[in-house]
Amino acid sequence: MAHHLSTSFSEAGATISQTVRKNAKGEKKPFGKSSITDLKKIKRDADLYFLAVPDDAIATVVKAMPAVKGTVVHTSGSVSMDVLKKFKSHGVFYPLQSFSASRPVTISAYPICIEGSSLQVTEDLMECAGGISKNAYLLNSEQREIVHLAAVFANNFSNHMFTIAEGILKDHKLTFDLVRPLILETAFKAMDMNPVDAQTGPAKRGDKKTTARHEALLKKDASAQKLYAKVSKSIAKHSA
């Protein structure tokens, strides 16, 4: 998250005066004029501070961070803005996307969810978001948490299914390349149709013989077998 935000803001012409990291090991090209590991040495006159850290680390960072003049925001989808109330000017700047350091992204096409501690902060963050994305949304903490929950199903859970599929194929000395086009078509359908209308497969058709055979093939992996049965049941319920 920090890497991609830094890249996007730099390309948009923003000045990144400093980055703070847990450690500088392996850092080849730090963003900003300086890169430090000690929060006590943070510059206190910047306009905007991003806490691009894991959700469970936000409160710890806030506690250790000294008072600053600018606005402090976190980038989490599930953590309330209230965790930042130590700072007079604070908010949330949540890009709704999955980020991996090794894969380039185009944030300009991604939704950015904004919440501010005041009208002025909100307006400033919306303007900031508009500098790197065409899709900025005002969402409060409760709405953002719902969006994050939906995102977990849409992204994290679906990717876990890909992992299981890859494992099944590897166990039988087959390549994951066989299902890559299917994954792409599934994603394209979700963009063009309502997901419930795009649903296919044996559970959708009520093909109990096929689902029974599939469950039998998974007998050596009890967790995958149970998952298959539960998801199939859920698909059947939504398709009824």
C-alpha atoms as a PDB file:
ATOM      1  CA  MET A   1       0.000   0.000   0.000  1.00  0.00           C
ATOM      2  CA  ALA A   2       2.706   2.500   1.020  1.00  0.00           C
ATOM      3  CA  HIS A   3       4.755   1.753  -2.095  1.00  0.00           C
ATOM      4  CA  HIS A   4       1.854   2.155  -4.515  1.00  0.00           C
ATOM      5  CA  LEU A   5       0.474   5.282  -2.851  1.00  0.00           C
ATOM      6  CA  SER A   6       3.936   6.840  -2.850  1.00  0.00           C
ATOM      7  CA  THR A   7       4.373   6.011  -6.521  1.00  0.00           C
ATOM      8  CA  SER A   8       0.969   7.431  -7.475  1.00  0.00           C
ATOM      9  CA  PHE A   9       1.385  10.659  -5.525  1.00  0.00           C
ATOM     10  CA  SER A  10       4.917  11.163  -6.850  1.00  0.00           C
ATOM     11  CA  GLU A  11       3.702  10.716 -10.416  1.00  0.00           C
ATOM     12  CA  ALA A  12       0.899  13.208  -9.703  1.00  0.00           C
ATOM     13  CA  GLY A  13       3.481  15.813  -8.670  1.00  0.00           C
ATOM     14  CA  ALA A  14       3.135  15.638  -4.879  1.00  0.00           C
ATOM     15  CA  THR A  15       6.192  16.114  -2.697  1.00  0.00           C
ATOM     16  CA  ILE A  16       6.881  13.222  -0.322  1.00  0.00           C
ATOM     17  CA  SER A  17       9.166  14.671   2.326  1.00  0.00           C
ATOM     18  CA  GLN A  18       9.711  11.535   4.389  1.00  0.00           C
ATOM     19  CA  THR A  19       8.921   7.862   4.799  1.00  0.00           C
ATOM     20  CA  VAL A  20       8.969   5.916   8.049  1.00  0.00           C
ATOM     21  CA  ARG A  21       9.611   2.186   7.988  1.00  0.00           C
ATOM     22  CA  LYS A  22       9.840  -0.517  10.620  1.00  0.00           C
ATOM     23  CA  ASN A  23      13.314  -1.210   9.292  1.00  0.00           C
ATOM     24  CA  ALA A  24      15.260  -0.111   6.235  1.00  0.00           C
ATOM     25  CA  LYS A  25      16.629  -3.554   5.391  1.00  0.00           C
ATOM     26  CA  GLY A  26      16.411  -4.250   1.682  1.00  0.00           C
ATOM     27  CA  GLU A  27      15.217  -0.753   0.858  1.00  0.00           C
ATOM     28  CA  LYS A  28      16.738   0.083  -2.530  1.00  0.00           C
ATOM     29  CA  LYS A  29      14.992   3.306  -3.517  1.00  0.00           C
ATOM     30  CA  PRO A  30      13.142   5.037  -0.670  1.00  0.00           C
ATOM     31  CA  PHE A  31      10.498   7.613  -1.491  1.00  0.00           C
ATOM     32  CA  GLY A  32      10.885  11.077  -0.060  1.00  0.00           C
ATOM     33  CA  LYS A  33      13.875  13.155   0.875  1.00  0.00           C
ATOM     34  CA  SER A  34      14.566  10.928   3.861  1.00  0.00           C
ATOM     35  CA  SER A  35      13.665   7.501   5.150  1.00  0.00           C
ATOM     36  CA  ILE A  36      13.746   6.812   8.872  1.00  0.00           C
ATOM     37  CA  THR A  37      12.867   4.010  11.283  1.00  0.00           C
ATOM     38  CA  ASP A  38      12.344   6.086  14.427  1.00  0.00           C
ATOM     39  CA  LEU A  39       8.883   7.683  14.756  1.00  0.00           C
ATOM     40  CA  LYS A  40      10.264  10.209  17.237  1.00  0.00           C
ATOM     41  CA  LYS A  41      12.279  11.744  14.398  1.00  0.00           C
ATOM     42  CA  ILE A  42       9.258  12.258  12.164  1.00  0.00           C
ATOM     43  CA  LYS A  43       8.862  15.665  10.517  1.00  0.00           C
ATOM     44  CA  ARG A  44       6.031  17.506  12.232  1.00  0.00           C
ATOM     45  CA  ASP A  45       5.187  20.166   9.651  1.00  0.00           C
ATOM     46  CA  ALA A  46       3.896  18.060   6.739  1.00  0.00           C
ATOM     47  CA  ASP A  47       0.388  18.631   5.357  1.00  0.00           C
ATOM     48  CA  LEU A  48      -0.654  14.999   5.308  1.00  0.00           C
ATOM     49  CA  TYR A  49       0.498  11.794   7.048  1.00  0.00           C
ATOM     50  CA  PHE A  50      -0.440   8.326   5.814  1.00  0.00           C
ATOM     51  CA  LEU A  51      -0.410   5.374   8.204  1.00  0.00           C
ATOM     52  CA  ALA A  52      -0.121   2.587   5.631  1.00  0.00           C
ATOM     53  CA  VAL A  53       0.370  -0.212   8.152  1.00  0.00           C
ATOM     54  CA  PRO A  54      -1.475  -3.464   9.033  1.00  0.00           C
ATOM     55  CA  ASP A  55      -4.826  -2.943  10.755  1.00  0.00           C
ATOM     56  CA  ASP A  56      -3.667  -4.316  14.097  1.00  0.00           C
ATOM     57  CA  ALA A  57      -0.647  -1.980  14.086  1.00  0.00           C
ATOM     58  CA  ILE A  58      -2.531   1.303  13.614  1.00  0.00           C
ATOM     59  CA  ALA A  59      -3.287   1.894  17.313  1.00  0.00           C
ATOM     60  CA  THR A  60       0.321   1.132  18.246  1.00  0.00           C
ATOM     61  CA  VAL A  61       1.688   3.571  15.668  1.00  0.00           C
ATOM     62  CA  VAL A  62      -0.772   6.264  16.753  1.00  0.00           C
ATOM     63  CA  LYS A  63       0.288   5.863  20.381  1.00  0.00           C
ATOM     64  CA  ALA A  64       3.974   6.164  19.481  1.00  0.00           C
ATOM     65  CA  MET A  65       3.539   9.031  17.032  1.00  0.00           C
ATOM     66  CA  PRO A  66       4.206  12.579  18.319  1.00  0.00           C
ATOM     67  CA  ALA A  67       1.835  15.493  17.768  1.00  0.00           C
ATOM     68  CA  VAL A  68       1.946  16.885  14.225  1.00  0.00           C
ATOM     69  CA  LYS A  69       0.449  19.905  12.477  1.00  0.00           C
ATOM     70  CA  GLY A  70      -1.006  18.162   9.442  1.00  0.00           C
ATOM     71  CA  THR A  71      -3.843  15.695   8.877  1.00  0.00           C
ATOM     72  CA  VAL A  72      -3.233  12.069   9.849  1.00  0.00           C
ATOM     73  CA  VAL A  73      -5.052   9.331   7.932  1.00  0.00           C
ATOM     74  CA  HIS A  74      -4.999   5.556   7.930  1.00  0.00           C
ATOM     75  CA  THR A  75      -5.634   3.402   4.867  1.00  0.00           C
ATOM     76  CA  SER A  76      -7.691   0.600   6.433  1.00  0.00           C
ATOM     77  CA  GLY A  77     -11.072  -0.607   5.296  1.00  0.00           C
ATOM     78  CA  SER A  78     -12.109  -2.121   8.617  1.00  0.00           C
ATOM     79  CA  VAL A  79     -10.674   0.166  11.320  1.00  0.00           C
ATOM     80  CA  SER A  80     -12.769   3.064  12.612  1.00  0.00           C
ATOM     81  CA  MET A  81     -11.578   6.626  12.094  1.00  0.00           C
ATOM     82  CA  ASP A  82     -11.861   7.081  15.881  1.00  0.00           C
ATOM     83  CA  VAL A  83      -8.518   5.339  16.372  1.00  0.00           C
ATOM     84  CA  LEU A  84      -6.967   8.620  15.165  1.00  0.00           C
ATOM     85  CA  LYS A  85      -8.853  10.968  17.504  1.00  0.00           C
ATOM     86  CA  LYS A  86      -5.564  11.781  19.265  1.00  0.00           C
ATOM     87  CA  PHE A  87      -4.924  14.090  16.305  1.00  0.00           C
ATOM     88  CA  LYS A  88      -7.135  17.161  15.860  1.00  0.00           C
ATOM     89  CA  SER A  89      -7.154  16.754  12.077  1.00  0.00           C
ATOM     90  CA  HIS A  90      -7.613  13.149  10.960  1.00  0.00           C
ATOM     91  CA  GLY A  91      -9.406  10.897   8.509  1.00  0.00           C
ATOM     92  CA  VAL A  92      -9.407   7.775   6.351  1.00  0.00           C
ATOM     93  CA  PHE A  93      -7.985   7.322   2.864  1.00  0.00           C
ATOM     94  CA  TYR A  94      -8.882   3.767   1.820  1.00  0.00           C
ATOM     95  CA  PRO A  95      -8.085   2.598  -1.740  1.00  0.00           C
ATOM     96  CA  LEU A  96     -10.399  -0.326  -2.426  1.00  0.00           C
ATOM     97  CA  GLN A  97      -8.013  -2.687  -4.162  1.00  0.00           C
ATOM     98  CA  SER A  98      -5.654  -5.587  -3.554  1.00  0.00           C
ATOM     99  CA  PHE A  99      -2.001  -4.508  -3.579  1.00  0.00           C
ATOM    100  CA  SER A 100       1.154  -6.568  -4.078  1.00  0.00           C
ATOM    101  CA  ALA A 101       4.561  -4.896  -4.093  1.00  0.00           C
ATOM    102  CA  SER A 102       5.745  -6.864  -7.124  1.00  0.00           C
ATOM    103  CA  ARG A 103       2.725  -6.029  -9.309  1.00  0.00           C
ATOM    104  CA  PRO A 104       2.220  -2.537 -10.787  1.00  0.00           C
ATOM    105  CA  VAL A 105      -1.216  -0.983 -10.380  1.00  0.00           C
ATOM    106  CA  THR A 106      -3.165   1.922 -11.836  1.00  0.00           C
ATOM    107  CA  ILE A 107      -4.791   3.621  -8.859  1.00  0.00           C
ATOM    108  CA  SER A 108      -6.519   6.144 -11.144  1.00  0.00           C
ATOM    109  CA  ALA A 109      -9.165   3.502 -11.914  1.00  0.00           C
ATOM    110  CA  TYR A 110      -9.712   2.363  -8.325  1.00  0.00           C
ATOM    111  CA  PRO A 111     -12.291   3.593  -5.800  1.00  0.00           C
ATOM    112  CA  ILE A 112     -10.885   5.560  -2.873  1.00  0.00           C
ATOM    113  CA  CYS A 113     -13.113   5.735   0.211  1.00  0.00           C
ATOM    114  CA  ILE A 114     -12.813   8.992   2.163  1.00  0.00           C
ATOM    115  CA  GLU A 115     -13.850  10.036   5.672  1.00  0.00           C
ATOM    116  CA  GLY A 116     -12.768  13.196   7.492  1.00  0.00           C
ATOM    117  CA  SER A 117     -12.934  14.496  11.044  1.00  0.00           C
ATOM    118  CA  SER A 118     -14.375  17.789   9.784  1.00  0.00           C
ATOM    119  CA  LEU A 119     -15.892  19.234   6.631  1.00  0.00           C
ATOM    120  CA  GLN A 120     -12.600  20.917   5.751  1.00  0.00           C
ATOM    121  CA  VAL A 121     -10.592  17.725   6.227  1.00  0.00           C
ATOM    122  CA  THR A 122     -13.122  15.810   4.150  1.00  0.00           C
ATOM    123  CA  GLU A 123     -12.915  18.342   1.318  1.00  0.00           C
ATOM    124  CA  ASP A 124      -9.113  18.302   1.446  1.00  0.00           C
ATOM    125  CA  LEU A 125      -8.980  14.499   1.322  1.00  0.00           C
ATOM    126  CA  MET A 126     -11.475  14.375  -1.545  1.00  0.00           C
ATOM    127  CA  GLU A 127      -9.278  16.811  -3.476  1.00  0.00           C
ATOM    128  CA  CYS A 128      -6.228  14.721  -2.631  1.00  0.00           C
ATOM    129  CA  ALA A 129      -7.941  11.540  -3.791  1.00  0.00           C
ATOM    130  CA  GLY A 130      -9.008  13.272  -6.991  1.00  0.00           C
ATOM    131  CA  GLY A 131      -5.352  13.868  -7.793  1.00  0.00           C
ATOM    132  CA  ILE A 132      -4.676  10.148  -8.212  1.00  0.00           C
ATOM    133  CA  SER A 133      -8.087   8.562  -8.885  1.00  0.00           C
ATOM    134  CA  LYS A 134     -11.255   9.286 -10.831  1.00  0.00           C
ATOM    135  CA  ASN A 135     -13.375   7.477  -8.244  1.00  0.00           C
ATOM    136  CA  ALA A 136     -13.537   9.019  -4.766  1.00  0.00           C
ATOM    137  CA  TYR A 137     -16.400   8.129  -2.426  1.00  0.00           C
ATOM    138  CA  LEU A 138     -17.511   9.586   0.899  1.00  0.00           C
ATOM    139  CA  LEU A 139     -18.135   6.675   3.289  1.00  0.00           C
ATOM    140  CA  ASN A 140     -18.366   6.704   7.067  1.00  0.00           C
ATOM    141  CA  SER A 141     -16.637   4.049   9.183  1.00  0.00           C
ATOM    142  CA  GLU A 142     -19.707   1.785   9.305  1.00  0.00           C
ATOM    143  CA  GLN A 143     -20.217   1.917   5.536  1.00  0.00           C
ATOM    144  CA  ARG A 144     -16.529   1.359   4.875  1.00  0.00           C
ATOM    145  CA  GLU A 145     -16.516  -1.739   7.074  1.00  0.00           C
ATOM    146  CA  ILE A 146     -19.397  -3.204   5.058  1.00  0.00           C
ATOM    147  CA  VAL A 147     -17.528  -2.484   1.837  1.00  0.00           C
ATOM    148  CA  HIS A 148     -14.428  -4.131   3.290  1.00  0.00           C
ATOM    149  CA  LEU A 149     -16.447  -7.227   4.253  1.00  0.00           C
ATOM    150  CA  ALA A 150     -17.798  -7.481   0.708  1.00  0.00           C
ATOM    151  CA  ALA A 151     -14.252  -7.039  -0.621  1.00  0.00           C
ATOM    152  CA  VAL A 152     -13.022  -9.963   1.497  1.00  0.00           C
ATOM    153  CA  PHE A 153     -15.594 -12.226  -0.146  1.00  0.00           C
ATOM    154  CA  ALA A 154     -14.959 -10.837  -3.635  1.00  0.00           C
ATOM    155  CA  ASN A 155     -11.163 -10.861  -3.464  1.00  0.00           C
ATOM    156  CA  ASN A 156      -9.605 -12.719  -0.544  1.00  0.00           C
ATOM    157  CA  PHE A 157     -12.013 -15.645  -0.515  1.00  0.00           C
ATOM    158  CA  SER A 158     -12.103 -16.021  -4.295  1.00  0.00           C
ATOM    159  CA  ASN A 159      -8.302 -15.980  -4.422  1.00  0.00           C
ATOM    160  CA  HIS A 160      -8.225 -18.688  -1.747  1.00  0.00           C
ATOM    161  CA  MET A 161     -10.442 -20.767  -4.021  1.00  0.00           C
ATOM    162  CA  PHE A 162      -7.850 -20.296  -6.770  1.00  0.00           C
ATOM    163  CA  THR A 163      -5.210 -21.570  -4.348  1.00  0.00           C
ATOM    164  CA  ILE A 164      -7.243 -24.695  -3.615  1.00  0.00           C
ATOM    165  CA  ALA A 165      -7.849 -25.239  -7.339  1.00  0.00           C
ATOM    166  CA  GLU A 166      -4.117 -24.931  -8.013  1.00  0.00           C
ATOM    167  CA  GLY A 167      -3.409 -27.476  -5.272  1.00  0.00           C
ATOM    168  CA  ILE A 168      -5.907 -29.980  -6.713  1.00  0.00           C
ATOM    169  CA  LEU A 169      -4.326 -29.663 -10.147  1.00  0.00           C
ATOM    170  CA  LYS A 170      -0.770 -29.981  -8.808  1.00  0.00           C
ATOM    171  CA  ASP A 171      -1.711 -33.109  -6.873  1.00  0.00           C
ATOM    172  CA  HIS A 172      -2.630 -34.679 -10.193  1.00  0.00           C
ATOM    173  CA  LYS A 173       0.359 -33.242 -12.077  1.00  0.00           C
ATOM    174  CA  LEU A 174      -1.791 -30.794 -14.043  1.00  0.00           C
ATOM    175  CA  THR A 175      -1.060 -27.135 -14.753  1.00  0.00           C
ATOM    176  CA  PHE A 176      -2.989 -24.184 -13.320  1.00  0.00           C
ATOM    177  CA  ASP A 177      -2.832 -22.667 -16.823  1.00  0.00           C
ATOM    178  CA  LEU A 178      -5.815 -24.868 -17.678  1.00  0.00           C
ATOM    179  CA  VAL A 179      -8.154 -22.740 -15.555  1.00  0.00           C
ATOM    180  CA  ARG A 180      -6.645 -19.260 -16.007  1.00  0.00           C
ATOM    181  CA  PRO A 181      -8.945 -18.416 -18.982  1.00  0.00           C
ATOM    182  CA  LEU A 182     -11.910 -19.584 -16.889  1.00  0.00           C
ATOM    183  CA  ILE A 183     -10.920 -17.249 -14.057  1.00  0.00           C
ATOM    184  CA  LEU A 184     -10.711 -14.329 -16.486  1.00  0.00           C
ATOM    185  CA  GLU A 185     -14.117 -15.103 -17.995  1.00  0.00           C
ATOM    186  CA  THR A 186     -15.639 -15.344 -14.505  1.00  0.00           C
ATOM    187  CA  ALA A 187     -14.260 -11.888 -13.653  1.00  0.00           C
ATOM    188  CA  PHE A 188     -15.486 -10.426 -16.953  1.00  0.00           C
ATOM    189  CA  LYS A 189     -18.961 -11.827 -16.328  1.00  0.00           C
ATOM    190  CA  ALA A 190     -19.037 -10.251 -12.873  1.00  0.00           C
ATOM    191  CA  MET A 191     -18.335  -6.901 -14.537  1.00  0.00           C
ATOM    192  CA  ASP A 192     -21.011  -7.306 -17.236  1.00  0.00           C
ATOM    193  CA  MET A 193     -23.750  -9.183 -15.357  1.00  0.00           C
ATOM    194  CA  ASN A 194     -25.226  -9.571 -11.906  1.00  0.00           C
ATOM    195  CA  PRO A 195     -23.086 -12.282 -10.253  1.00  0.00           C
ATOM    196  CA  VAL A 196     -26.135 -14.353  -9.308  1.00  0.00           C
ATOM    197  CA  ASP A 197     -27.169 -14.433 -12.990  1.00  0.00           C
ATOM    198  CA  ALA A 198     -23.674 -15.473 -14.073  1.00  0.00           C
ATOM    199  CA  GLN A 199     -23.568 -18.458 -11.713  1.00  0.00           C
ATOM    200  CA  THR A 200     -23.046 -21.835 -13.398  1.00  0.00           C
ATOM    201  CA  GLY A 201     -21.920 -25.291 -12.305  1.00  0.00           C
ATOM    202  CA  PRO A 202     -23.327 -28.502 -10.795  1.00  0.00           C
ATOM    203  CA  ALA A 203     -24.598 -26.880  -7.589  1.00  0.00           C
ATOM    204  CA  LYS A 204     -26.497 -24.278  -9.613  1.00  0.00           C
ATOM    205  CA  ARG A 205     -28.047 -27.045 -11.766  1.00  0.00           C
ATOM    206  CA  GLY A 206     -28.873 -29.246  -8.794  1.00  0.00           C
ATOM    207  CA  ASP A 207     -26.627 -31.977 -10.224  1.00  0.00           C
ATOM    208  CA  LYS A 208     -26.219 -34.054  -7.063  1.00  0.00           C
ATOM    209  CA  LYS A 209     -24.448 -36.944  -8.801  1.00  0.00           C
ATOM    210  CA  THR A 210     -21.623 -34.656  -9.944  1.00  0.00           C
ATOM    211  CA  THR A 211     -21.273 -32.904  -6.585  1.00  0.00           C
ATOM    212  CA  ALA A 212     -21.173 -36.314  -4.868  1.00  0.00           C
ATOM    213  CA  ARG A 213     -18.375 -37.463  -7.199  1.00  0.00           C
ATOM    214  CA  HIS A 214     -16.440 -34.256  -6.562  1.00  0.00           C
ATOM    215  CA  GLU A 215     -16.745 -34.682  -2.800  1.00  0.00           C
ATOM    216  CA  ALA A 216     -15.494 -38.262  -3.170  1.00  0.00           C
ATOM    217  CA  LEU A 217     -12.439 -37.010  -5.069  1.00  0.00           C
ATOM    218  CA  LEU A 218     -11.664 -34.742  -2.099  1.00  0.00           C
ATOM    219  CA  LYS A 219     -11.795 -37.510   0.504  1.00  0.00           C
ATOM    220  CA  LYS A 220      -8.073 -37.111   1.265  1.00  0.00           C
ATOM    221  CA  ASP A 221      -8.558 -33.410   2.054  1.00  0.00           C
ATOM    222  CA  ALA A 222     -11.319 -33.180   4.658  1.00  0.00           C
ATOM    223  CA  SER A 223     -11.212 -29.371   4.902  1.00  0.00           C
ATOM    224  CA  ALA A 224     -11.551 -28.907   1.123  1.00  0.00           C
ATOM    225  CA  GLN A 225     -14.307 -31.520   1.071  1.00  0.00           C
ATOM    226  CA  LYS A 226     -16.286 -29.678   3.767  1.00  0.00           C
ATOM    227  CA  LEU A 227     -15.698 -26.351   2.030  1.00  0.00           C
ATOM    228  CA  TYR A 228     -16.937 -27.793  -1.276  1.00  0.00           C
ATOM    229  CA  ALA A 229     -20.113 -29.064   0.402  1.00  0.00           C
ATOM    230  CA  LYS A 230     -20.819 -25.784   2.219  1.00  0.00           C
ATOM    231  CA  VAL A 231     -20.218 -23.588  -0.806  1.00  0.00           C
ATOM    232  CA  SER A 232     -22.311 -25.876  -3.009  1.00  0.00           C
ATOM    233  CA  LYS A 233     -25.133 -25.662  -0.479  1.00  0.00           C
ATOM    234  CA  SER A 234     -24.857 -21.867  -0.460  1.00  0.00           C
ATOM    235  CA  ILE A 235     -24.907 -21.711  -4.279  1.00  0.00           C
ATOM    236  CA  ALA A 236     -27.997 -23.901  -4.379  1.00  0.00           C
ATOM    237  CA  LYS A 237     -29.717 -21.679  -1.825  1.00  0.00           C
ATOM    238  CA  HIS A 238     -28.978 -18.489  -3.781  1.00  0.00           C
ATOM    239  CA  SER A 239     -30.049 -20.148  -7.031  1.00  0.00           C
ATOM    240  CA  ALA A 240     -33.389 -21.368  -5.749  1.00  0.00           C
END
